[in-house]
Amino acid sequence: MADNGWSDGICPAKLGLPKLLLLSLKHVGVVDPPEYTYREYNFRGTLRCDLMIFVGKRTLYPDVDPWFISTTGFRFPDTYRKAA
């Protein structure tokens, strides 16, 4: 974990919606699994989680730039599913 509270990693292929995301990305030519970064913190007494998922270049559509999605939730597992 970094000093600023952010953690990062490679998106895991778990059952459910995140696995569907990974399979969909492979279908459009994204070879490498997406990476994520997140932080959990308390905001006015409520646990919050900010999450960003980064998707790399595609082999089928090389002219499409890498992109990312960001969202906010309450805990990492729920926020990860929301972003997927």
N, C-alpha and C. Protein backbone atom coordinates (compact mmCIF):
# COMPACT_ATOMS: atom_id res chain seq x y z
N MET A 1 0.86 -1.18 0.00
CA MET A 1 0.00 0.00 0.00
C MET A 1 0.90 1.24 0.00
N ALA A 2 0.56 2.19 -0.79
CA ALA A 2 1.32 3.44 -0.86
C ALA A 2 1.01 4.32 0.34
N ASP A 3 1.87 5.32 0.56
CA ASP A 3 1.68 6.22 1.70
C ASP A 3 0.37 6.99 1.64
N ASN A 4 -0.17 7.19 0.45
CA ASN A 4 -1.40 7.97 0.32
C ASN A 4 -2.67 7.12 0.47
N GLY A 5 -2.53 5.85 0.82
CA GLY A 5 -3.68 5.00 1.07
C GLY A 5 -4.18 4.21 -0.12
N TRP A 6 -3.58 4.37 -1.29
CA TRP A 6 -4.02 3.65 -2.48
C TRP A 6 -3.33 2.30 -2.56
N SER A 7 -4.07 1.26 -2.96
CA SER A 7 -3.54 -0.08 -3.21
C SER A 7 -3.80 -0.41 -4.66
N ASP A 8 -2.96 -1.28 -5.25
CA ASP A 8 -3.18 -1.61 -6.65
C ASP A 8 -2.91 -3.08 -6.90
N GLY A 9 -3.33 -3.54 -8.07
CA GLY A 9 -3.13 -4.93 -8.44
C GLY A 9 -3.71 -5.23 -9.80
N ILE A 10 -3.71 -6.52 -10.14
CA ILE A 10 -4.27 -7.01 -11.39
C ILE A 10 -5.68 -7.51 -11.10
N CYS A 11 -6.65 -7.18 -11.95
CA CYS A 11 -8.04 -7.60 -11.72
C CYS A 11 -8.13 -9.11 -11.69
N PRO A 12 -8.62 -9.68 -10.59
CA PRO A 12 -8.72 -11.14 -10.48
C PRO A 12 -9.90 -11.69 -11.27
N ALA A 13 -9.74 -12.91 -11.75
CA ALA A 13 -10.82 -13.58 -12.49
C ALA A 13 -11.67 -14.36 -11.50
N LYS A 14 -12.55 -13.67 -10.81
CA LYS A 14 -13.44 -14.32 -9.86
C LYS A 14 -14.77 -14.60 -10.54
N LEU A 15 -15.56 -15.47 -9.92
CA LEU A 15 -16.87 -15.77 -10.46
C LEU A 15 -17.76 -14.54 -10.44
N GLY A 16 -18.68 -14.51 -11.37
CA GLY A 16 -19.64 -13.40 -11.39
C GLY A 16 -19.27 -12.36 -12.42
N LEU A 17 -19.73 -11.15 -12.17
CA LEU A 17 -19.57 -10.07 -13.12
C LEU A 17 -18.11 -9.75 -13.45
N PRO A 18 -17.17 -9.71 -12.49
CA PRO A 18 -15.78 -9.43 -12.88
C PRO A 18 -15.23 -10.43 -13.89
N LYS A 19 -15.60 -11.71 -13.76
CA LYS A 19 -15.14 -12.70 -14.74
C LYS A 19 -15.74 -12.41 -16.11
N LEU A 20 -17.00 -11.98 -16.14
CA LEU A 20 -17.64 -11.60 -17.39
C LEU A 20 -16.91 -10.42 -18.03
N LEU A 21 -16.48 -9.46 -17.22
CA LEU A 21 -15.70 -8.32 -17.74
C LEU A 21 -14.43 -8.82 -18.41
N LEU A 22 -13.69 -9.70 -17.76
CA LEU A 22 -12.44 -10.19 -18.33
C LEU A 22 -12.67 -10.96 -19.63
N LEU A 23 -13.71 -11.78 -19.66
CA LEU A 23 -14.03 -12.52 -20.89
C LEU A 23 -14.44 -11.58 -22.02
N SER A 24 -15.20 -10.55 -21.69
CA SER A 24 -15.61 -9.57 -22.70
C SER A 24 -14.42 -8.81 -23.26
N LEU A 25 -13.49 -8.44 -22.39
CA LEU A 25 -12.30 -7.73 -22.85
C LEU A 25 -11.45 -8.61 -23.75
N LYS A 26 -11.32 -9.90 -23.43
CA LYS A 26 -10.58 -10.81 -24.30
C LYS A 26 -11.25 -10.91 -25.67
N HIS A 27 -12.57 -10.87 -25.69
CA HIS A 27 -13.32 -10.97 -26.94
C HIS A 27 -13.02 -9.80 -27.88
N VAL A 28 -12.75 -8.62 -27.34
CA VAL A 28 -12.44 -7.46 -28.18
C VAL A 28 -10.94 -7.24 -28.34
N GLY A 29 -10.14 -8.21 -27.88
CA GLY A 29 -8.71 -8.16 -28.15
C GLY A 29 -7.83 -7.59 -27.07
N VAL A 30 -8.34 -7.38 -25.87
CA VAL A 30 -7.49 -6.92 -24.77
C VAL A 30 -6.79 -8.16 -24.21
N VAL A 31 -5.48 -8.23 -24.39
CA VAL A 31 -4.72 -9.42 -24.02
C VAL A 31 -4.38 -9.43 -22.53
N ASP A 32 -3.88 -8.32 -22.04
CA ASP A 32 -3.47 -8.24 -20.63
C ASP A 32 -4.67 -7.96 -19.74
N PRO A 33 -4.72 -8.59 -18.56
CA PRO A 33 -5.83 -8.29 -17.65
C PRO A 33 -5.77 -6.84 -17.18
N PRO A 34 -6.91 -6.23 -16.93
CA PRO A 34 -6.91 -4.85 -16.46
C PRO A 34 -6.25 -4.72 -15.09
N GLU A 35 -5.76 -3.54 -14.81
CA GLU A 35 -5.18 -3.24 -13.50
C GLU A 35 -6.12 -2.33 -12.75
N TYR A 36 -6.06 -2.38 -11.44
CA TYR A 36 -6.91 -1.51 -10.63
C TYR A 36 -6.09 -0.83 -9.56
N THR A 37 -6.62 0.25 -9.07
CA THR A 37 -6.09 0.92 -7.89
C THR A 37 -7.29 1.40 -7.08
N TYR A 38 -7.19 1.29 -5.75
CA TYR A 38 -8.32 1.67 -4.91
C TYR A 38 -7.82 2.14 -3.55
N ARG A 39 -8.71 2.81 -2.85
CA ARG A 39 -8.46 3.19 -1.46
C ARG A 39 -9.77 3.15 -0.70
N GLU A 40 -9.70 2.64 0.51
CA GLU A 40 -10.85 2.64 1.42
C GLU A 40 -10.57 3.66 2.51
N TYR A 41 -11.59 4.41 2.90
CA TYR A 41 -11.43 5.46 3.90
C TYR A 41 -12.78 5.74 4.55
N ASN A 42 -12.75 6.41 5.67
CA ASN A 42 -13.98 6.84 6.35
C ASN A 42 -14.30 8.27 5.95
N PHE A 43 -15.54 8.50 5.57
CA PHE A 43 -16.01 9.83 5.23
C PHE A 43 -17.25 10.11 6.07
N ARG A 44 -17.11 10.98 7.02
CA ARG A 44 -18.22 11.33 7.93
C ARG A 44 -18.84 10.09 8.57
N GLY A 45 -17.96 9.18 9.00
CA GLY A 45 -18.42 7.99 9.70
C GLY A 45 -18.87 6.84 8.82
N THR A 46 -18.74 6.98 7.50
CA THR A 46 -19.15 5.93 6.57
C THR A 46 -17.94 5.43 5.80
N LEU A 47 -17.75 4.11 5.76
CA LEU A 47 -16.66 3.54 4.99
C LEU A 47 -16.92 3.76 3.50
N ARG A 48 -15.94 4.27 2.78
CA ARG A 48 -16.05 4.54 1.35
C ARG A 48 -14.88 3.87 0.63
N CYS A 49 -15.04 3.65 -0.66
CA CYS A 49 -13.99 3.07 -1.48
C CYS A 49 -13.99 3.76 -2.84
N ASP A 50 -12.87 4.35 -3.23
CA ASP A 50 -12.67 4.90 -4.57
C ASP A 50 -11.88 3.87 -5.36
N LEU A 51 -12.28 3.61 -6.60
CA LEU A 51 -11.66 2.57 -7.42
C LEU A 51 -11.51 3.05 -8.85
N MET A 52 -10.37 2.73 -9.46
CA MET A 52 -10.14 2.97 -10.88
C MET A 52 -9.65 1.67 -11.51
N ILE A 53 -10.22 1.31 -12.65
CA ILE A 53 -9.77 0.15 -13.41
C ILE A 53 -9.21 0.66 -14.73
N PHE A 54 -7.98 0.24 -15.04
CA PHE A 54 -7.28 0.66 -16.25
C PHE A 54 -7.26 -0.48 -17.26
N VAL A 55 -7.74 -0.22 -18.49
CA VAL A 55 -7.79 -1.22 -19.55
C VAL A 55 -6.78 -0.81 -20.61
N GLY A 56 -5.90 -1.75 -20.98
CA GLY A 56 -4.83 -1.46 -21.92
C GLY A 56 -5.26 -1.50 -23.38
N LYS A 57 -4.26 -1.42 -24.25
CA LYS A 57 -4.50 -1.43 -25.70
C LYS A 57 -5.11 -2.75 -26.15
N ARG A 58 -5.83 -2.68 -27.25
CA ARG A 58 -6.48 -3.86 -27.84
C ARG A 58 -5.68 -4.32 -29.05
N THR A 59 -5.64 -5.62 -29.27
CA THR A 59 -4.97 -6.14 -30.47
C THR A 59 -5.87 -6.03 -31.70
N LEU A 60 -7.18 -6.16 -31.52
CA LEU A 60 -8.10 -6.08 -32.66
C LEU A 60 -8.36 -4.65 -33.11
N TYR A 61 -8.25 -3.70 -32.20
CA TYR A 61 -8.51 -2.28 -32.50
C TYR A 61 -7.34 -1.44 -31.99
N PRO A 62 -6.19 -1.50 -32.65
CA PRO A 62 -5.00 -0.80 -32.14
C PRO A 62 -5.13 0.72 -32.13
N ASP A 63 -6.07 1.27 -32.89
CA ASP A 63 -6.23 2.72 -32.92
C ASP A 63 -7.02 3.24 -31.71
N VAL A 64 -7.61 2.35 -30.92
CA VAL A 64 -8.35 2.76 -29.72
C VAL A 64 -7.37 2.87 -28.56
N ASP A 65 -7.33 4.04 -27.94
CA ASP A 65 -6.41 4.27 -26.83
C ASP A 65 -6.84 3.51 -25.58
N PRO A 66 -5.88 3.21 -24.69
CA PRO A 66 -6.23 2.63 -23.39
C PRO A 66 -7.20 3.57 -22.66
N TRP A 67 -8.01 3.02 -21.77
CA TRP A 67 -9.01 3.82 -21.07
C TRP A 67 -9.14 3.32 -19.63
N PHE A 68 -9.89 4.09 -18.83
CA PHE A 68 -10.13 3.67 -17.45
C PHE A 68 -11.54 4.07 -17.04
N ILE A 69 -12.00 3.42 -15.99
CA ILE A 69 -13.29 3.75 -15.39
C ILE A 69 -13.06 3.95 -13.91
N SER A 70 -13.76 4.91 -13.34
CA SER A 70 -13.64 5.14 -11.90
C SER A 70 -15.03 5.16 -11.28
N THR A 71 -15.10 4.73 -10.05
CA THR A 71 -16.37 4.72 -9.33
C THR A 71 -16.10 4.76 -7.83
N THR A 72 -17.13 5.04 -7.08
CA THR A 72 -17.05 5.09 -5.62
C THR A 72 -18.12 4.18 -5.04
N GLY A 73 -17.76 3.44 -4.02
CA GLY A 73 -18.70 2.56 -3.33
C GLY A 73 -18.39 2.55 -1.85
N PHE A 74 -18.70 1.43 -1.20
CA PHE A 74 -18.52 1.35 0.25
C PHE A 74 -17.36 0.45 0.65
N ARG A 75 -17.17 -0.66 0.02
CA ARG A 75 -16.05 -1.57 0.29
C ARG A 75 -15.50 -2.03 -1.06
N PHE A 76 -14.24 -2.50 -1.05
CA PHE A 76 -13.59 -2.88 -2.30
C PHE A 76 -14.36 -3.94 -3.09
N PRO A 77 -14.78 -5.07 -2.50
CA PRO A 77 -15.46 -6.09 -3.31
C PRO A 77 -16.72 -5.57 -4.01
N ASP A 78 -17.51 -4.79 -3.31
CA ASP A 78 -18.74 -4.25 -3.91
C ASP A 78 -18.42 -3.21 -4.99
N THR A 79 -17.44 -2.37 -4.72
CA THR A 79 -17.07 -1.32 -5.68
C THR A 79 -16.46 -1.93 -6.93
N TYR A 80 -15.68 -3.00 -6.77
CA TYR A 80 -15.09 -3.71 -7.91
C TYR A 80 -16.18 -4.28 -8.80
N ARG A 81 -17.19 -4.90 -8.21
CA ARG A 81 -18.31 -5.44 -9.00
C ARG A 81 -19.06 -4.32 -9.71
N LYS A 82 -19.23 -3.20 -9.01
CA LYS A 82 -19.93 -2.06 -9.60
C LYS A 82 -19.18 -1.55 -10.83
N ALA A 83 -17.87 -1.45 -10.75
CA ALA A 83 -17.07 -0.96 -11.87
C ALA A 83 -17.09 -1.95 -13.03
N ALA A 84 -17.08 -3.24 -12.72
CA ALA A 84 -17.08 -4.27 -13.78
C ALA A 84 -18.38 -4.21 -14.55
